[in-house]
Amino acid sequence: MADGAAQLPAVAISMTLLRRVLLLTSMAGLLACTASSHAPGAADSGNRVSDGSVRHDAGHDAGHDTAPDAAAVPCSVDASDPSLPGATVHIAADRCNFRSGQGGQFRYRVVLTKPIPYSVQASTSCGACSVYSNDAAARIRFTISNGLVQYCECDGGCCPPNKSASYTLDAKTVDGTIDWPGLQWQGASDTNTSYGPPFPPGRYFVMVTLDVPGVGVATAGLPITVK
């Protein structure tokens, strides 16, 4: 009887250990099932980044293609300047990339929402070849340049001296075009200068300027590329 009584505590301890083992095994199985039910499937495993968030492939987010549309890329620019309140300059074109020697047309619009008064001082030598008047169209000039190579009507030769006068630019909208042959030129001057060589590859700006003497200047610059 003493031997049997001594074995009872050992049996009780063994049963306790067995119950603990069974409990731990059951918990491990439950955790494994829970983890597998939340594991990423084959459909989204490739879209997950290291922090666990979902990454959408570009161009397929909610069924929309996010690739840039070349036709939607604007080729235009607007500008204004505090020195000429109410005046804006806009330039637009059908393209901004050209081959060397290829010309193009640029459209501009200058808007004056209110009159701008200005004065011209008399000159003692050659005067400016631009026209002074109440028409804003007379105060618009353009150039296509990178600082070294250019196309413009900059050189008009020696024009008669300016006379002192006062004018007021009318509030109006002026539309115009620049027909660029793709060649270098700085104006006819006094010698009827002909066109020069083609623009070499590089980056240039089509600039349209509203210049009001003694008041201010507003310039818009449209970047173009020659390849």
C-alpha atoms as a PDB file:
ATOM      1  CA  MET A   1       0.000   0.000   0.000  1.00  0.00           C
ATOM      2  CA  ALA A   2       2.856   2.340   0.741  1.00  0.00           C
ATOM      3  CA  ASP A   3       4.221   1.855  -2.803  1.00  0.00           C
ATOM      4  CA  GLY A   4       0.799   2.500  -4.335  1.00  0.00           C
ATOM      5  CA  ALA A   5       0.331   5.604  -2.220  1.00  0.00           C
ATOM      6  CA  ALA A   6       3.731   6.894  -3.341  1.00  0.00           C
ATOM      7  CA  GLN A   7       2.805   6.522  -7.003  1.00  0.00           C
ATOM      8  CA  LEU A   8      -0.364   8.690  -6.788  1.00  0.00           C
ATOM      9  CA  PRO A   9       1.427  12.070  -6.726  1.00  0.00           C
ATOM     10  CA  ALA A  10       3.573  11.036  -9.717  1.00  0.00           C
ATOM     11  CA  VAL A  11       0.462  10.088 -11.702  1.00  0.00           C
ATOM     12  CA  ALA A  12      -1.217  13.372 -10.788  1.00  0.00           C
ATOM     13  CA  ILE A  13       1.854  15.324 -11.944  1.00  0.00           C
ATOM     14  CA  SER A  14       1.990  13.407 -15.231  1.00  0.00           C
ATOM     15  CA  MET A  15      -1.687  14.143 -15.931  1.00  0.00           C
ATOM     16  CA  THR A  16      -1.093  17.862 -15.282  1.00  0.00           C
ATOM     17  CA  LEU A  17       1.821  17.967 -17.704  1.00  0.00           C
ATOM     18  CA  LEU A  18      -0.244  16.136 -20.316  1.00  0.00           C
ATOM     19  CA  ARG A  19      -3.085  18.648 -20.037  1.00  0.00           C
ATOM     20  CA  ARG A  20      -0.614  21.553 -20.451  1.00  0.00           C
ATOM     21  CA  VAL A  21       0.947  19.945 -23.527  1.00  0.00           C
ATOM     22  CA  LEU A  22      -2.474  19.403 -25.102  1.00  0.00           C
ATOM     23  CA  LEU A  23      -3.441  23.032 -24.318  1.00  0.00           C
ATOM     24  CA  LEU A  24      -0.276  24.435 -25.873  1.00  0.00           C
ATOM     25  CA  THR A  25      -0.717  22.257 -28.962  1.00  0.00           C
ATOM     26  CA  SER A  26      -4.287  23.461 -29.395  1.00  0.00           C
ATOM     27  CA  MET A  27      -3.244  27.138 -29.065  1.00  0.00           C
ATOM     28  CA  ALA A  28      -0.432  26.673 -31.628  1.00  0.00           C
ATOM     29  CA  GLY A  29      -2.892  25.204 -34.129  1.00  0.00           C
ATOM     30  CA  LEU A  30      -5.311  28.071 -33.613  1.00  0.00           C
ATOM     31  CA  LEU A  31      -2.602  30.685 -34.171  1.00  0.00           C
ATOM     32  CA  ALA A  32      -1.465  28.914 -37.347  1.00  0.00           C
ATOM     33  CA  CYS A  33      -5.015  28.957 -38.749  1.00  0.00           C
ATOM     34  CA  THR A  34      -5.455  32.634 -37.879  1.00  0.00           C
ATOM     35  CA  ALA A  35      -2.162  33.609 -39.571  1.00  0.00           C
ATOM     36  CA  SER A  36      -2.972  31.674 -42.729  1.00  0.00           C
ATOM     37  CA  SER A  37      -6.417  33.292 -43.020  1.00  0.00           C
ATOM     38  CA  HIS A  38      -4.792  36.782 -43.082  1.00  0.00           C
ATOM     39  CA  ALA A  39      -1.785  35.986 -45.243  1.00  0.00           C
ATOM     40  CA  PRO A  40      -1.660  37.892 -48.600  1.00  0.00           C
ATOM     41  CA  GLY A  41      -2.851  35.839 -51.532  1.00  0.00           C
ATOM     42  CA  ALA A  42      -1.160  35.507 -54.887  1.00  0.00           C
ATOM     43  CA  ALA A  43      -3.262  38.370 -56.255  1.00  0.00           C
ATOM     44  CA  ASP A  44      -1.940  41.030 -53.878  1.00  0.00           C
ATOM     45  CA  SER A  45       1.361  39.660 -52.550  1.00  0.00           C
ATOM     46  CA  GLY A  46       3.262  41.352 -55.365  1.00  0.00           C
ATOM     47  CA  ASN A  47       1.655  44.710 -54.574  1.00  0.00           C
ATOM     48  CA  ARG A  48       2.780  44.923 -50.974  1.00  0.00           C
ATOM     49  CA  VAL A  49       5.742  46.973 -49.920  1.00  0.00           C
ATOM     50  CA  SER A  50       7.983  46.435 -46.932  1.00  0.00           C
ATOM     51  CA  ASP A  51       5.750  48.284 -44.460  1.00  0.00           C
ATOM     52  CA  GLY A  52       2.764  46.098 -45.283  1.00  0.00           C
ATOM     53  CA  SER A  53       0.778  48.771 -47.121  1.00  0.00           C
ATOM     54  CA  VAL A  54      -0.661  47.997 -50.554  1.00  0.00           C
ATOM     55  CA  ARG A  55       1.048  49.515 -53.575  1.00  0.00           C
ATOM     56  CA  HIS A  56      -1.138  50.083 -56.667  1.00  0.00           C
ATOM     57  CA  ASP A  57       0.559  49.608 -60.012  1.00  0.00           C
ATOM     58  CA  ALA A  58       0.821  52.897 -61.924  1.00  0.00           C
ATOM     59  CA  GLY A  59      -1.798  53.113 -64.637  1.00  0.00           C
ATOM     60  CA  HIS A  60      -4.120  50.561 -63.041  1.00  0.00           C
ATOM     61  CA  ASP A  61      -5.429  52.380 -59.986  1.00  0.00           C
ATOM     62  CA  ALA A  62      -9.217  52.042 -59.960  1.00  0.00           C
ATOM     63  CA  GLY A  63      -9.136  51.176 -63.633  1.00  0.00           C
ATOM     64  CA  HIS A  64      -7.555  54.466 -64.757  1.00  0.00           C
ATOM     65  CA  ASP A  65      -4.501  54.734 -66.974  1.00  0.00           C
ATOM     66  CA  THR A  66      -2.154  57.333 -65.492  1.00  0.00           C
ATOM     67  CA  ALA A  67       0.341  57.378 -68.368  1.00  0.00           C
ATOM     68  CA  PRO A  68       0.842  60.982 -69.608  1.00  0.00           C
ATOM     69  CA  ASP A  69      -1.032  61.921 -72.750  1.00  0.00           C
ATOM     70  CA  ALA A  70       1.378  63.622 -75.166  1.00  0.00           C
ATOM     71  CA  ALA A  71      -1.480  65.549 -76.760  1.00  0.00           C
ATOM     72  CA  ALA A  72      -2.421  66.995 -73.368  1.00  0.00           C
ATOM     73  CA  VAL A  73       1.011  68.474 -72.647  1.00  0.00           C
ATOM     74  CA  PRO A  74       0.564  72.246 -72.961  1.00  0.00           C
ATOM     75  CA  CYS A  75       2.713  74.378 -75.240  1.00  0.00           C
ATOM     76  CA  SER A  76       1.708  77.789 -73.946  1.00  0.00           C
ATOM     77  CA  VAL A  77       2.592  80.352 -71.320  1.00  0.00           C
ATOM     78  CA  ASP A  78       1.036  83.410 -69.669  1.00  0.00           C
ATOM     79  CA  ALA A  79       2.806  86.285 -67.954  1.00  0.00           C
ATOM     80  CA  SER A  80       2.201  89.625 -66.331  1.00  0.00           C
ATOM     81  CA  ASP A  81       4.272  92.207 -64.488  1.00  0.00           C
ATOM     82  CA  PRO A  82       3.465  94.517 -61.560  1.00  0.00           C
ATOM     83  CA  SER A  83       4.850  97.465 -63.545  1.00  0.00           C
ATOM     84  CA  LEU A  84       1.919  97.130 -65.979  1.00  0.00           C
ATOM     85  CA  PRO A  85      -1.204  96.409 -63.913  1.00  0.00           C
ATOM     86  CA  GLY A  86      -4.015  94.924 -65.953  1.00  0.00           C
ATOM     87  CA  ALA A  87      -1.744  93.737 -68.787  1.00  0.00           C
ATOM     88  CA  THR A  88      -1.143  90.070 -69.614  1.00  0.00           C
ATOM     89  CA  VAL A  89       0.853  88.361 -72.367  1.00  0.00           C
ATOM     90  CA  HIS A  90      -0.016  84.898 -73.677  1.00  0.00           C
ATOM     91  CA  ILE A  91       1.934  82.704 -76.161  1.00  0.00           C
ATOM     92  CA  ALA A  92       0.820  79.367 -77.613  1.00  0.00           C
ATOM     93  CA  ALA A  93       1.922  76.968 -80.347  1.00  0.00           C
ATOM     94  CA  ASP A  94       0.967  73.585 -81.732  1.00  0.00           C
ATOM     95  CA  ARG A  95       4.402  72.238 -80.881  1.00  0.00           C
ATOM     96  CA  CYS A  96       7.463  73.162 -78.839  1.00  0.00           C
ATOM     97  CA  ASN A  97       9.967  70.701 -80.349  1.00  0.00           C
ATOM     98  CA  PHE A  98      11.627  71.284 -83.723  1.00  0.00           C
ATOM     99  CA  ARG A  99      14.313  69.844 -85.919  1.00  0.00           C
ATOM    100  CA  SER A 100      17.197  72.132 -86.813  1.00  0.00           C
ATOM    101  CA  GLY A 101      16.102  74.234 -89.791  1.00  0.00           C
ATOM    102  CA  GLN A 102      12.412  73.520 -89.186  1.00  0.00           C
ATOM    103  CA  GLY A 103      10.229  76.576 -88.684  1.00  0.00           C
ATOM    104  CA  GLY A 104       6.956  77.078 -86.879  1.00  0.00           C
ATOM    105  CA  GLN A 105       4.254  79.540 -86.002  1.00  0.00           C
ATOM    106  CA  PHE A 106       3.647  81.009 -82.561  1.00  0.00           C
ATOM    107  CA  ARG A 107       0.429  82.771 -81.605  1.00  0.00           C
ATOM    108  CA  TYR A 108       0.325  85.556 -79.042  1.00  0.00           C
ATOM    109  CA  ARG A 109      -2.352  87.564 -77.319  1.00  0.00           C
ATOM    110  CA  VAL A 110      -1.764  90.738 -75.327  1.00  0.00           C
ATOM    111  CA  VAL A 111      -4.626  91.946 -73.153  1.00  0.00           C
ATOM    112  CA  LEU A 112      -4.917  95.409 -71.587  1.00  0.00           C
ATOM    113  CA  THR A 113      -7.844  95.713 -69.204  1.00  0.00           C
ATOM    114  CA  LYS A 114      -7.329  99.432 -68.654  1.00  0.00           C
ATOM    115  CA  PRO A 115      -5.634 102.363 -70.462  1.00  0.00           C
ATOM    116  CA  ILE A 116      -1.933 102.992 -69.863  1.00  0.00           C
ATOM    117  CA  PRO A 117      -0.574 106.547 -70.362  1.00  0.00           C
ATOM    118  CA  TYR A 118       3.069 107.087 -71.331  1.00  0.00           C
ATOM    119  CA  SER A 119       5.426 109.698 -72.757  1.00  0.00           C
ATOM    120  CA  VAL A 120       8.304 109.679 -75.248  1.00  0.00           C
ATOM    121  CA  GLN A 121      11.340 111.929 -74.971  1.00  0.00           C
ATOM    122  CA  ALA A 122      12.949 113.567 -77.989  1.00  0.00           C
ATOM    123  CA  SER A 123      16.188 112.036 -79.268  1.00  0.00           C
ATOM    124  CA  THR A 124      19.126 113.847 -80.851  1.00  0.00           C
ATOM    125  CA  SER A 125      20.382 110.994 -83.021  1.00  0.00           C
ATOM    126  CA  CYS A 126      18.815 107.929 -84.592  1.00  0.00           C
ATOM    127  CA  GLY A 127      15.432 107.276 -83.071  1.00  0.00           C
ATOM    128  CA  ALA A 128      13.772 104.006 -82.196  1.00  0.00           C
ATOM    129  CA  CYS A 129      12.313 102.350 -85.260  1.00  0.00           C
ATOM    130  CA  SER A 130       9.256 101.193 -83.333  1.00  0.00           C
ATOM    131  CA  VAL A 131       6.068 103.177 -83.621  1.00  0.00           C
ATOM    132  CA  TYR A 132       4.675 105.258 -80.771  1.00  0.00           C
ATOM    133  CA  SER A 133       0.908 105.623 -80.685  1.00  0.00           C
ATOM    134  CA  ASN A 134      -2.217 104.861 -78.686  1.00  0.00           C
ATOM    135  CA  ASP A 135      -2.374 101.379 -80.203  1.00  0.00           C
ATOM    136  CA  ALA A 136      -0.894  98.657 -77.992  1.00  0.00           C
ATOM    137  CA  ALA A 137       0.013  96.639 -81.099  1.00  0.00           C
ATOM    138  CA  ALA A 138       2.747  99.180 -81.814  1.00  0.00           C
ATOM    139  CA  ARG A 139       4.407  98.474 -78.453  1.00  0.00           C
ATOM    140  CA  ILE A 140       4.715  94.699 -78.888  1.00  0.00           C
ATOM    141  CA  ARG A 141       7.991  93.088 -79.916  1.00  0.00           C
ATOM    142  CA  PHE A 142       9.259  89.521 -80.082  1.00  0.00           C
ATOM    143  CA  THR A 143      12.464  87.515 -80.168  1.00  0.00           C
ATOM    144  CA  ILE A 144      13.416  83.822 -80.312  1.00  0.00           C
ATOM    145  CA  SER A 145      16.766  83.403 -78.611  1.00  0.00           C
ATOM    146  CA  ASN A 146      19.059  81.719 -76.110  1.00  0.00           C
ATOM    147  CA  GLY A 147      21.162  84.844 -75.644  1.00  0.00           C
ATOM    148  CA  LEU A 148      23.599  84.042 -78.457  1.00  0.00           C
ATOM    149  CA  VAL A 149      21.511  82.731 -81.338  1.00  0.00           C
ATOM    150  CA  GLN A 150      18.361  84.668 -82.152  1.00  0.00           C
ATOM    151  CA  TYR A 151      15.580  85.492 -84.552  1.00  0.00           C
ATOM    152  CA  CYS A 152      14.010  88.930 -84.177  1.00  0.00           C
ATOM    153  CA  GLU A 153      13.306  92.261 -85.823  1.00  0.00           C
ATOM    154  CA  CYS A 154      15.793  93.934 -83.515  1.00  0.00           C
ATOM    155  CA  ASP A 155      17.857  95.841 -86.097  1.00  0.00           C
ATOM    156  CA  GLY A 156      15.782  98.288 -88.091  1.00  0.00           C
ATOM    157  CA  GLY A 157      18.683 100.543 -89.029  1.00  0.00           C
ATOM    158  CA  CYS A 158      18.857 104.242 -88.277  1.00  0.00           C
ATOM    159  CA  CYS A 159      15.358 105.706 -88.013  1.00  0.00           C
ATOM    160  CA  PRO A 160      14.385 109.401 -87.744  1.00  0.00           C
ATOM    161  CA  PRO A 161      14.841 111.052 -84.318  1.00  0.00           C
ATOM    162  CA  ASN A 162      12.004 110.723 -81.831  1.00  0.00           C
ATOM    163  CA  LYS A 163       9.865 113.720 -80.964  1.00  0.00           C
ATOM    164  CA  SER A 164       8.504 114.440 -77.507  1.00  0.00           C
ATOM    165  CA  ALA A 165       4.914 113.280 -77.234  1.00  0.00           C
ATOM    166  CA  SER A 166       2.387 111.740 -74.868  1.00  0.00           C
ATOM    167  CA  TYR A 167       0.080 108.830 -75.593  1.00  0.00           C
ATOM    168  CA  THR A 168      -2.360 106.512 -73.851  1.00  0.00           C
ATOM    169  CA  LEU A 169      -2.569 102.871 -74.813  1.00  0.00           C
ATOM    170  CA  ASP A 170      -6.191 101.864 -75.290  1.00  0.00           C
ATOM    171  CA  ALA A 171      -7.657  99.032 -73.235  1.00  0.00           C
ATOM    172  CA  LYS A 172      -7.936  96.275 -75.825  1.00  0.00           C
ATOM    173  CA  THR A 173      -6.867  92.779 -76.878  1.00  0.00           C
ATOM    174  CA  VAL A 174      -4.179  92.360 -79.528  1.00  0.00           C
ATOM    175  CA  ASP A 175      -3.767  89.034 -81.349  1.00  0.00           C
ATOM    176  CA  GLY A 176      -0.786  88.282 -83.569  1.00  0.00           C
ATOM    177  CA  THR A 177       1.481  85.557 -84.924  1.00  0.00           C
ATOM    178  CA  ILE A 178       5.229  84.973 -85.262  1.00  0.00           C
ATOM    179  CA  ASP A 179       6.151  83.047 -88.397  1.00  0.00           C
ATOM    180  CA  TRP A 180       9.606  81.664 -87.656  1.00  0.00           C
ATOM    181  CA  PRO A 181      11.519  80.105 -90.578  1.00  0.00           C
ATOM    182  CA  GLY A 182      13.813  78.160 -88.233  1.00  0.00           C
ATOM    183  CA  LEU A 183      16.707  80.433 -89.230  1.00  0.00           C
ATOM    184  CA  GLN A 184      18.783  83.086 -87.497  1.00  0.00           C
ATOM    185  CA  TRP A 185      18.018  86.721 -88.218  1.00  0.00           C
ATOM    186  CA  GLN A 186      18.234  90.058 -86.384  1.00  0.00           C
ATOM    187  CA  GLY A 187      16.238  92.249 -88.727  1.00  0.00           C
ATOM    188  CA  ALA A 188      16.626  93.801 -92.147  1.00  0.00           C
ATOM    189  CA  SER A 189      18.662  96.776 -90.847  1.00  0.00           C
ATOM    190  CA  ASP A 190      19.630  99.388 -93.474  1.00  0.00           C
ATOM    191  CA  THR A 191      21.087  96.776 -95.794  1.00  0.00           C
ATOM    192  CA  ASN A 192      18.121  94.404 -96.185  1.00  0.00           C
ATOM    193  CA  THR A 193      19.988  91.657 -94.362  1.00  0.00           C
ATOM    194  CA  SER A 194      18.968  88.158 -95.424  1.00  0.00           C
ATOM    195  CA  TYR A 195      18.332  85.162 -93.189  1.00  0.00           C
ATOM    196  CA  GLY A 196      21.268  83.372 -91.610  1.00  0.00           C
ATOM    197  CA  PRO A 197      21.946  79.673 -90.855  1.00  0.00           C
ATOM    198  CA  PRO A 198      19.491  77.338 -89.098  1.00  0.00           C
ATOM    199  CA  PHE A 199      19.165  77.347 -85.326  1.00  0.00           C
ATOM    200  CA  PRO A 200      21.549  74.717 -83.937  1.00  0.00           C
ATOM    201  CA  PRO A 201      20.235  72.099 -81.501  1.00  0.00           C
ATOM    202  CA  GLY A 202      19.552  73.558 -78.089  1.00  0.00           C
ATOM    203  CA  ARG A 203      16.981  75.165 -75.820  1.00  0.00           C
ATOM    204  CA  TYR A 204      15.507  78.565 -76.712  1.00  0.00           C
ATOM    205  CA  PHE A 205      12.752  80.931 -75.638  1.00  0.00           C
ATOM    206  CA  VAL A 206      10.056  82.572 -77.715  1.00  0.00           C
ATOM    207  CA  MET A 207       9.599  85.921 -75.980  1.00  0.00           C
ATOM    208  CA  VAL A 208       6.799  88.400 -76.563  1.00  0.00           C
ATOM    209  CA  THR A 209       7.097  91.758 -74.806  1.00  0.00           C
ATOM    210  CA  LEU A 210       4.758  94.646 -74.181  1.00  0.00           C
ATOM    211  CA  ASP A 211       7.087  97.622 -73.701  1.00  0.00           C
ATOM    212  CA  VAL A 212       5.602 100.902 -72.456  1.00  0.00           C
ATOM    213  CA  PRO A 213       8.330 103.599 -72.287  1.00  0.00           C
ATOM    214  CA  GLY A 214       8.846 105.056 -68.841  1.00  0.00           C
ATOM    215  CA  VAL A 215       6.152 102.791 -67.326  1.00  0.00           C
ATOM    216  CA  GLY A 216       7.041  99.115 -67.447  1.00  0.00           C
ATOM    217  CA  VAL A 217       7.592  95.915 -69.385  1.00  0.00           C
ATOM    218  CA  ALA A 218       5.701  92.601 -69.419  1.00  0.00           C
ATOM    219  CA  THR A 219       7.358  89.613 -71.114  1.00  0.00           C
ATOM    220  CA  ALA A 220       6.188  86.041 -71.617  1.00  0.00           C
ATOM    221  CA  GLY A 221       8.779  83.380 -72.498  1.00  0.00           C
ATOM    222  CA  LEU A 222       7.783  80.072 -74.093  1.00  0.00           C
ATOM    223  CA  PRO A 223      10.575  77.434 -73.955  1.00  0.00           C
ATOM    224  CA  ILE A 224      11.212  75.446 -77.154  1.00  0.00           C
ATOM    225  CA  THR A 225      13.725  72.769 -78.069  1.00  0.00           C
ATOM    226  CA  VAL A 226      15.618  72.361 -81.340  1.00  0.00           C
ATOM    227  CA  LYS A 227      17.025  68.879 -81.937  1.00  0.00           C
END
